[in-house]
């Protein structure tokens, strides 16, 4: 987390308008990062992050699902094609 907080500060100094830490799923760490950050924090719904309301309550400003919906649709299509 110290490195993530340093990187967030560097992003802010560079004029970025948001900050994303790929793979961050621990709610206590997300809350700590949101509290320390000067930029809006973005997270990806994965791992133990199941409820949008839960993540929003941590102060997260942007929630992403990444490729998960596409991968789920692709797996469903493959299953259906095998049944033909």
PDB file of N, CA and C in Angstrom:
ATOM      1  N   UNK A   1       0.797  -1.199   0.000  1.00  0.00           N
ATOM      2  CA  UNK A   1       0.000   0.000   0.000  1.00  0.00           C
ATOM      3  C   UNK A   1       0.844   1.271   0.000  1.00  0.00           C
ATOM      4  N   UNK A   2       1.989   1.287   0.665  1.00  0.00           N
ATOM      5  CA  UNK A   2       2.779   2.525   0.584  1.00  0.00           C
ATOM      6  C   UNK A   2       3.139   2.890  -0.859  1.00  0.00           C
ATOM      7  N   UNK A   3       3.471   1.886  -1.659  1.00  0.00           N
ATOM      8  CA  UNK A   3       3.804   2.150  -3.064  1.00  0.00           C
ATOM      9  C   UNK A   3       2.584   2.645  -3.834  1.00  0.00           C
ATOM     10  N   UNK A   4       1.424   2.078  -3.552  1.00  0.00           N
ATOM     11  CA  UNK A   4       0.200   2.514  -4.227  1.00  0.00           C
ATOM     12  C   UNK A   4      -0.102   3.964  -3.877  1.00  0.00           C
ATOM     13  N   UNK A   5       0.083   4.334  -2.625  1.00  0.00           N
ATOM     14  CA  UNK A   5      -0.177   5.712  -2.211  1.00  0.00           C
ATOM     15  C   UNK A   5       0.828   6.671  -2.842  1.00  0.00           C
ATOM     16  N   UNK A   6       2.075   6.248  -2.972  1.00  0.00           N
ATOM     17  CA  UNK A   6       3.073   7.077  -3.647  1.00  0.00           C
ATOM     18  C   UNK A   6       2.728   7.236  -5.125  1.00  0.00           C
ATOM     19  N   UNK A   7       2.276   6.161  -5.732  1.00  0.00           N
ATOM     20  CA  UNK A   7       1.908   6.203  -7.152  1.00  0.00           C
ATOM     21  C   UNK A   7       0.691   7.110  -7.355  1.00  0.00           C
ATOM     22  N   UNK A   8      -0.256   7.063  -6.445  1.00  0.00           N
ATOM     23  CA  UNK A   8      -1.426   7.942  -6.545  1.00  0.00           C
ATOM     24  C   UNK A   8      -0.986   9.400  -6.487  1.00  0.00           C
ATOM     25  N   UNK A   9      -0.057   9.715  -5.603  1.00  0.00           N
ATOM     26  CA  UNK A   9       0.446  11.093  -5.502  1.00  0.00           C
ATOM     27  C   UNK A   9       1.138  11.504  -6.799  1.00  0.00           C
ATOM     28  N   UNK A  10       1.903  10.595  -7.398  1.00  0.00           N
ATOM     29  CA  UNK A  10       2.574  10.892  -8.667  1.00  0.00           C
ATOM     30  C   UNK A  10       1.553  11.111  -9.779  1.00  0.00           C
ATOM     31  N   UNK A  11       0.491  10.309  -9.790  1.00  0.00           N
ATOM     32  CA  UNK A  11      -0.574  10.497 -10.780  1.00  0.00           C
ATOM     33  C   UNK A  11      -1.202  11.879 -10.605  1.00  0.00           C
ATOM     34  N   UNK A  12      -1.497  12.242  -9.367  1.00  0.00           N
ATOM     35  CA  UNK A  12      -2.113  13.543  -9.096  1.00  0.00           C
ATOM     36  C   UNK A  12      -1.188  14.676  -9.533  1.00  0.00           C
ATOM     37  N   UNK A  13       0.093  14.557  -9.220  1.00  0.00           N
ATOM     38  CA  UNK A  13       1.063  15.580  -9.613  1.00  0.00           C
ATOM     39  C   UNK A  13       1.183  15.704 -11.128  1.00  0.00           C
ATOM     40  N   UNK A  14       0.896  14.608 -11.838  1.00  0.00           N
ATOM     41  CA  UNK A  14       0.995  14.594 -13.301  1.00  0.00           C
ATOM     42  C   UNK A  14      -0.284  15.088 -13.976  1.00  0.00           C
ATOM     43  N   UNK A  15      -1.315  15.361 -13.188  1.00  0.00           N
ATOM     44  CA  UNK A  15      -2.553  15.876 -13.751  1.00  0.00           C
ATOM     45  C   UNK A  15      -3.601  14.825 -14.056  1.00  0.00           C
ATOM     46  N   UNK A  16      -3.414  13.600 -13.588  1.00  0.00           N
ATOM     47  CA  UNK A  16      -4.408  12.548 -13.815  1.00  0.00           C
ATOM     48  C   UNK A  16      -5.717  12.916 -13.132  1.00  0.00           C
ATOM     49  N   UNK A  17      -6.815  12.367 -13.653  1.00  0.00           N
ATOM     50  CA  UNK A  17      -8.119  12.660 -13.053  1.00  0.00           C
ATOM     51  C   UNK A  17      -8.740  11.454 -12.367  1.00  0.00           C
ATOM     52  N   UNK A  18      -7.945  10.405 -12.172  1.00  0.00           N
ATOM     53  CA  UNK A  18      -8.425   9.218 -11.473  1.00  0.00           C
ATOM     54  C   UNK A  18      -7.262   8.286 -11.190  1.00  0.00           C
ATOM     55  N   UNK A  19      -7.499   7.326 -10.326  1.00  0.00           N
ATOM     56  CA  UNK A  19      -6.449   6.386  -9.921  1.00  0.00           C
ATOM     57  C   UNK A  19      -7.043   4.988  -9.800  1.00  0.00           C
ATOM     58  N   UNK A  20      -6.352   4.013 -10.378  1.00  0.00           N
ATOM     59  CA  UNK A  20      -6.813   2.624 -10.394  1.00  0.00           C
ATOM     60  C   UNK A  20      -5.689   1.718  -9.912  1.00  0.00           C
ATOM     61  N   UNK A  21      -6.005   0.834  -8.974  1.00  0.00           N
ATOM     62  CA  UNK A  21      -5.038  -0.160  -8.499  1.00  0.00           C
ATOM     63  C   UNK A  21      -5.560  -1.526  -8.915  1.00  0.00           C
ATOM     64  N   UNK A  22      -5.027  -2.081  -9.998  1.00  0.00           N
ATOM     65  CA  UNK A  22      -5.509  -3.378 -10.485  1.00  0.00           C
ATOM     66  C   UNK A  22      -5.379  -4.474  -9.424  1.00  0.00           C
ATOM     67  N   UNK A  23      -6.439  -5.235  -9.268  1.00  0.00           N
ATOM     68  CA  UNK A  23      -6.406  -6.387  -8.366  1.00  0.00           C
ATOM     69  C   UNK A  23      -6.672  -6.078  -6.908  1.00  0.00           C
ATOM     70  N   UNK A  24      -6.890  -4.833  -6.550  1.00  0.00           N
ATOM     71  CA  UNK A  24      -7.148  -4.490  -5.150  1.00  0.00           C
ATOM     72  C   UNK A  24      -8.576  -4.894  -4.794  1.00  0.00           C
ATOM     73  N   UNK A  25      -8.705  -5.878  -3.899  1.00  0.00           N
ATOM     74  CA  UNK A  25     -10.032  -6.377  -3.521  1.00  0.00           C
ATOM     75  C   UNK A  25     -10.290  -6.352  -2.018  1.00  0.00           C
ATOM     76  N   UNK A  26      -9.286  -6.052  -1.236  1.00  0.00           N
ATOM     77  CA  UNK A  26      -9.446  -6.010   0.218  1.00  0.00           C
ATOM     78  C   UNK A  26     -10.149  -4.707   0.599  1.00  0.00           C
ATOM     79  N   UNK A  27     -11.326  -4.830   1.200  1.00  0.00           N
ATOM     80  CA  UNK A  27     -12.130  -3.644   1.485  1.00  0.00           C
ATOM     81  C   UNK A  27     -11.441  -2.682   2.463  1.00  0.00           C
ATOM     82  N   UNK A  28     -10.710  -3.210   3.431  1.00  0.00           N
ATOM     83  CA  UNK A  28     -10.004  -2.337   4.378  1.00  0.00           C
ATOM     84  C   UNK A  28      -8.917  -1.546   3.654  1.00  0.00           C
ATOM     85  N   UNK A  29      -8.215  -2.196   2.738  1.00  0.00           N
ATOM     86  CA  UNK A  29      -7.169  -1.497   1.981  1.00  0.00           C
ATOM     87  C   UNK A  29      -7.775  -0.486   1.014  1.00  0.00           C
ATOM     88  N   UNK A  30      -8.893  -0.848   0.396  1.00  0.00           N
ATOM     89  CA  UNK A  30      -9.563   0.099  -0.500  1.00  0.00           C
ATOM     90  C   UNK A  30      -9.980   1.338   0.288  1.00  0.00           C
ATOM     91  N   UNK A  31     -10.574   1.140   1.434  1.00  0.00           N
ATOM     92  CA  UNK A  31     -11.008   2.255   2.277  1.00  0.00           C
ATOM     93  C   UNK A  31      -9.822   3.126   2.675  1.00  0.00           C
ATOM     94  N   UNK A  32      -8.714   2.509   3.034  1.00  0.00           N
ATOM     95  CA  UNK A  32      -7.507   3.242   3.409  1.00  0.00           C
ATOM     96  C   UNK A  32      -6.976   4.065   2.239  1.00  0.00           C
ATOM     97  N   UNK A  33      -6.990   3.475   1.054  1.00  0.00           N
ATOM     98  CA  UNK A  33      -6.510   4.185  -0.129  1.00  0.00           C
ATOM     99  C   UNK A  33      -7.428   5.352  -0.473  1.00  0.00           C
ATOM    100  N   UNK A  34      -8.732   5.134  -0.417  1.00  0.00           N
ATOM    101  CA  UNK A  34      -9.694   6.206  -0.711  1.00  0.00           C
ATOM    102  C   UNK A  34      -9.492   7.363   0.260  1.00  0.00           C
ATOM    103  N   UNK A  35      -9.276   7.039   1.517  1.00  0.00           N
ATOM    104  CA  UNK A  35      -9.094   8.077   2.534  1.00  0.00           C
ATOM    105  C   UNK A  35      -7.827   8.899   2.287  1.00  0.00           C
ATOM    106  N   UNK A  36      -6.761   8.246   1.832  1.00  0.00           N
ATOM    107  CA  UNK A  36      -5.485   8.928   1.617  1.00  0.00           C
ATOM    108  C   UNK A  36      -5.386   9.615   0.261  1.00  0.00           C
ATOM    109  N   UNK A  37      -6.196   9.188  -0.697  1.00  0.00           N
ATOM    110  CA  UNK A  37      -6.073   9.667  -2.070  1.00  0.00           C
ATOM    111  C   UNK A  37      -6.657  11.062  -2.248  1.00  0.00           C
ATOM    112  N   UNK A  38      -6.045  11.796  -3.171  1.00  0.00           N
ATOM    113  CA  UNK A  38      -6.604  13.091  -3.567  1.00  0.00           C
ATOM    114  C   UNK A  38      -7.373  12.954  -4.879  1.00  0.00           C
ATOM    115  N   UNK A  39      -7.183  11.824  -5.571  1.00  0.00           N
ATOM    116  CA  UNK A  39      -7.886  11.540  -6.818  1.00  0.00           C
ATOM    117  C   UNK A  39      -9.028  10.567  -6.569  1.00  0.00           C
ATOM    118  N   UNK A  40     -10.033  10.549  -7.445  1.00  0.00           N
ATOM    119  CA  UNK A  40     -11.064   9.517  -7.356  1.00  0.00           C
ATOM    120  C   UNK A  40     -10.433   8.137  -7.563  1.00  0.00           C
ATOM    121  N   UNK A  41     -10.805   7.181  -6.739  1.00  0.00           N
ATOM    122  CA  UNK A  41     -10.252   5.830  -6.811  1.00  0.00           C
ATOM    123  C   UNK A  41     -11.191   4.928  -7.598  1.00  0.00           C
ATOM    124  N   UNK A  42     -10.607   4.133  -8.472  1.00  0.00           N
ATOM    125  CA  UNK A  42     -11.339   3.183  -9.311  1.00  0.00           C
ATOM    126  C   UNK A  42     -10.953   1.765  -8.896  1.00  0.00           C
ATOM    127  N   UNK A  43     -11.929   0.859  -8.839  1.00  0.00           N
ATOM    128  CA  UNK A  43     -11.640  -0.551  -8.550  1.00  0.00           C
ATOM    129  C   UNK A  43     -12.382  -1.447  -9.533  1.00  0.00           C
ATOM    130  N   UNK A  44     -11.906  -2.668  -9.638  1.00  0.00           N
ATOM    131  CA  UNK A  44     -12.550  -3.661 -10.487  1.00  0.00           C
ATOM    132  C   UNK A  44     -13.293  -4.656  -9.605  1.00  0.00           C
ATOM    133  N   UNK A  45     -14.522  -4.956  -9.979  1.00  0.00           N
ATOM    134  CA  UNK A  45     -15.324  -5.920  -9.241  1.00  0.00           C
ATOM    135  C   UNK A  45     -14.772  -7.319  -9.517  1.00  0.00           C
ATOM    136  N   UNK A  46     -14.103  -7.863  -8.541  1.00  0.00           N
ATOM    137  CA  UNK A  46     -13.530  -9.200  -8.643  1.00  0.00           C
ATOM    138  C   UNK A  46     -13.245  -9.704  -7.236  1.00  0.00           C
ATOM    139  N   UNK A  47     -12.903 -10.974  -7.124  1.00  0.00           N
ATOM    140  CA  UNK A  47     -12.602 -11.540  -5.810  1.00  0.00           C
ATOM    141  C   UNK A  47     -13.786 -11.408  -4.876  1.00  0.00           C
ATOM    142  N   UNK A  48     -13.531 -10.860  -3.689  1.00  0.00           N
ATOM    143  CA  UNK A  48     -14.603 -10.731  -2.690  1.00  0.00           C
ATOM    144  C   UNK A  48     -15.446  -9.477  -2.880  1.00  0.00           C
ATOM    145  N   UNK A  49     -15.189  -8.710  -3.927  1.00  0.00           N
ATOM    146  CA  UNK A  49     -16.017  -7.531  -4.211  1.00  0.00           C
ATOM    147  C   UNK A  49     -17.222  -7.995  -5.018  1.00  0.00           C
ATOM    148  N   UNK A  50     -18.341  -8.171  -4.352  1.00  0.00           N
ATOM    149  CA  UNK A  50     -19.539  -8.733  -4.985  1.00  0.00           C
ATOM    150  C   UNK A  50     -20.665  -7.728  -5.170  1.00  0.00           C
ATOM    151  N   UNK A  51     -20.772  -6.762  -4.265  1.00  0.00           N
ATOM    152  CA  UNK A  51     -21.907  -5.841  -4.282  1.00  0.00           C
ATOM    153  C   UNK A  51     -21.447  -4.417  -4.591  1.00  0.00           C
ATOM    154  N   UNK A  52     -22.065  -3.815  -5.585  1.00  0.00           N
ATOM    155  CA  UNK A  52     -21.710  -2.449  -5.965  1.00  0.00           C
ATOM    156  C   UNK A  52     -21.939  -1.502  -4.795  1.00  0.00           C
ATOM    157  N   UNK A  53     -23.038  -1.660  -4.080  1.00  0.00           N
ATOM    158  CA  UNK A  53     -23.323  -0.787  -2.937  1.00  0.00           C
ATOM    159  C   UNK A  53     -22.216  -0.857  -1.888  1.00  0.00           C
ATOM    160  N   UNK A  54     -21.683  -2.058  -1.663  1.00  0.00           N
ATOM    161  CA  UNK A  54     -20.604  -2.253  -0.686  1.00  0.00           C
ATOM    162  C   UNK A  54     -19.368  -1.465  -1.110  1.00  0.00           C
ATOM    163  N   UNK A  55     -19.024  -1.534  -2.383  1.00  0.00           N
ATOM    164  CA  UNK A  55     -17.827  -0.855  -2.883  1.00  0.00           C
ATOM    165  C   UNK A  55     -18.052   0.664  -2.900  1.00  0.00           C
ATOM    166  N   UNK A  56     -19.220   1.089  -3.307  1.00  0.00           N
ATOM    167  CA  UNK A  56     -19.529   2.521  -3.321  1.00  0.00           C
ATOM    168  C   UNK A  56     -19.471   3.101  -1.908  1.00  0.00           C
ATOM    169  N   UNK A  57     -19.903   2.330  -0.924  1.00  0.00           N
ATOM    170  CA  UNK A  57     -19.871   2.798   0.462  1.00  0.00           C
ATOM    171  C   UNK A  57     -18.451   3.025   0.965  1.00  0.00           C
ATOM    172  N   UNK A  58     -17.476   2.412   0.305  1.00  0.00           N
ATOM    173  CA  UNK A  58     -16.070   2.615   0.677  1.00  0.00           C
ATOM    174  C   UNK A  58     -15.545   3.953   0.168  1.00  0.00           C
ATOM    175  N   UNK A  59     -16.319   4.613  -0.698  1.00  0.00           N
ATOM    176  CA  UNK A  59     -15.903   5.888  -1.259  1.00  0.00           C
ATOM    177  C   UNK A  59     -15.322   5.785  -2.653  1.00  0.00           C
ATOM    178  N   UNK A  60     -15.402   4.610  -3.239  1.00  0.00           N
ATOM    179  CA  UNK A  60     -14.894   4.400  -4.592  1.00  0.00           C
ATOM    180  C   UNK A  60     -15.747   5.207  -5.566  1.00  0.00           C
ATOM    181  N   UNK A  61     -15.098   5.840  -6.534  1.00  0.00           N
ATOM    182  CA  UNK A  61     -15.810   6.707  -7.479  1.00  0.00           C
ATOM    183  C   UNK A  61     -16.139   6.029  -8.802  1.00  0.00           C
ATOM    184  N   UNK A  62     -15.400   4.989  -9.159  1.00  0.00           N
ATOM    185  CA  UNK A  62     -15.665   4.298 -10.419  1.00  0.00           C
ATOM    186  C   UNK A  62     -15.491   2.809 -10.192  1.00  0.00           C
ATOM    187  N   UNK A  63     -16.437   2.055 -10.705  1.00  0.00           N
ATOM    188  CA  UNK A  63     -16.404   0.603 -10.575  1.00  0.00           C
ATOM    189  C   UNK A  63     -16.378   0.011 -11.974  1.00  0.00           C
ATOM    190  N   UNK A  64     -15.454  -0.916 -12.188  1.00  0.00           N
ATOM    191  CA  UNK A  64     -15.321  -1.565 -13.484  1.00  0.00           C
ATOM    192  C   UNK A  64     -15.551  -3.066 -13.320  1.00  0.00           C
ATOM    193  N   UNK A  65     -16.045  -3.671 -14.381  1.00  0.00           N
ATOM    194  CA  UNK A  65     -16.189  -5.124 -14.394  1.00  0.00           C
ATOM    195  C   UNK A  65     -15.137  -5.761 -15.281  1.00  0.00           C
ATOM    196  N   UNK A  66     -14.302  -4.946 -15.910  1.00  0.00           N
ATOM    197  CA  UNK A  66     -13.257  -5.469 -16.775  1.00  0.00           C
ATOM    198  C   UNK A  66     -13.843  -6.393 -17.823  1.00  0.00           C
ATOM    199  N   UNK A  67     -13.126  -7.473 -18.141  1.00  0.00           N
ATOM    200  CA  UNK A  67     -13.594  -8.389 -19.173  1.00  0.00           C
ATOM    201  C   UNK A  67     -14.571  -9.446 -18.665  1.00  0.00           C
ATOM    202  N   UNK A  68     -14.940  -9.420 -17.391  1.00  0.00           N
ATOM    203  CA  UNK A  68     -15.770 -10.489 -16.815  1.00  0.00           C
ATOM    204  C   UNK A  68     -17.079 -10.711 -17.565  1.00  0.00           C
ATOM    205  N   UNK A  69     -17.864  -9.684 -17.907  1.00  0.00           N
ATOM    206  CA  UNK A  69     -19.112  -9.942 -18.640  1.00  0.00           C
ATOM    207  C   UNK A  69     -18.863 -10.588 -20.004  1.00  0.00           C
ATOM    208  N   UNK A  70     -17.839 -10.136 -20.700  1.00  0.00           N
ATOM    209  CA  UNK A  70     -17.513 -10.721 -22.001  1.00  0.00           C
ATOM    210  C   UNK A  70     -17.107 -12.180 -21.843  1.00  0.00           C
ATOM    211  N   UNK A  71     -16.254 -12.467 -20.859  1.00  0.00           N
ATOM    212  CA  UNK A  71     -15.805 -13.843 -20.652  1.00  0.00           C
ATOM    213  C   UNK A  71     -16.970 -14.758 -20.266  1.00  0.00           C
ATOM    214  N   UNK A  72     -17.904 -14.253 -19.474  1.00  0.00           N
ATOM    215  CA  UNK A  72     -19.079 -15.046 -19.106  1.00  0.00           C
ATOM    216  C   UNK A  72     -19.934 -15.336 -20.329  1.00  0.00           C
ATOM    217  N   UNK A  73     -20.127 -14.331 -21.175  1.00  0.00           N
ATOM    218  CA  UNK A  73     -20.922 -14.525 -22.399  1.00  0.00           C
ATOM    219  C   UNK A  73     -20.236 -15.510 -23.335  1.00  0.00           C
ATOM    220  N   UNK A  74     -18.931 -15.417 -23.450  1.00  0.00           N
ATOM    221  CA  UNK A  74     -18.170 -16.330 -24.300  1.00  0.00           C
ATOM    222  C   UNK A  74     -18.281 -17.771 -23.796  1.00  0.00           C
ATOM    223  N   UNK A  75     -18.162 -17.971 -22.482  1.00  0.00           N
ATOM    224  CA  UNK A  75     -18.290 -19.313 -21.910  1.00  0.00           C
ATOM    225  C   UNK A  75     -19.683 -19.872 -22.152  1.00  0.00           C
ATOM    226  N   UNK A  76     -20.709 -19.029 -22.012  1.00  0.00           N
ATOM    227  CA  UNK A  76     -22.076 -19.459 -22.268  1.00  0.00           C
ATOM    228  C   UNK A  76     -22.252 -19.862 -23.728  1.00  0.00           C
ATOM    229  N   UNK A  77     -21.721 -19.060 -24.641  1.00  0.00           N
ATOM    230  CA  UNK A  77     -21.823 -19.375 -26.058  1.00  0.00           C
ATOM    231  C   UNK A  77     -21.106 -20.687 -26.381  1.00  0.00           C
ATOM    232  N   UNK A  78     -19.938 -20.905 -25.826  1.00  0.00           N
ATOM    233  CA  UNK A  78     -19.213 -22.158 -26.064  1.00  0.00           C
ATOM    234  C   UNK A  78     -20.013 -23.354 -25.578  1.00  0.00           C
ATOM    235  N   UNK A  79     -20.639 -23.227 -24.400  1.00  0.00           N
ATOM    236  CA  UNK A  79     -21.445 -24.311 -23.854  1.00  0.00           C
ATOM    237  C   UNK A  79     -22.625 -24.611 -24.779  1.00  0.00           C
ATOM    238  N   UNK A  80     -23.292 -23.557 -25.237  1.00  0.00           N
ATOM    239  CA  UNK A  80     -24.447 -23.736 -26.110  1.00  0.00           C
ATOM    240  C   UNK A  80     -24.055 -24.360 -27.460  1.00  0.00           C
ATOM    241  N   UNK A  81     -22.905 -23.969 -27.994  1.00  0.00           N
ATOM    242  CA  UNK A  81     -22.457 -24.525 -29.268  1.00  0.00           C
ATOM    243  C   UNK A  81     -22.107 -26.012 -29.139  1.00  0.00           C
ATOM    244  N   UNK A  82     -21.596 -26.416 -27.979  1.00  0.00           N
ATOM    245  CA  UNK A  82     -21.277 -27.827 -27.771  1.00  0.00           C
ATOM    246  C   UNK A  82     -22.543 -28.688 -27.735  1.00  0.00           C
ATOM    247  N   UNK A  83     -23.673 -28.072 -27.385  1.00  0.00           N
ATOM    248  CA  UNK A  83     -24.935 -28.803 -27.283  1.00  0.00           C
ATOM    249  C   UNK A  83     -25.603 -28.999 -28.646  1.00  0.00           C
ATOM    250  N   UNK A  84     -25.128 -28.294 -29.654  1.00  0.00           N
ATOM    251  CA  UNK A  84     -25.738 -28.400 -30.994  1.00  0.00           C
ATOM    252  C   UNK A  84     -25.279 -29.668 -31.678  1.00  0.00           C
TER     253      UNK A  84
END
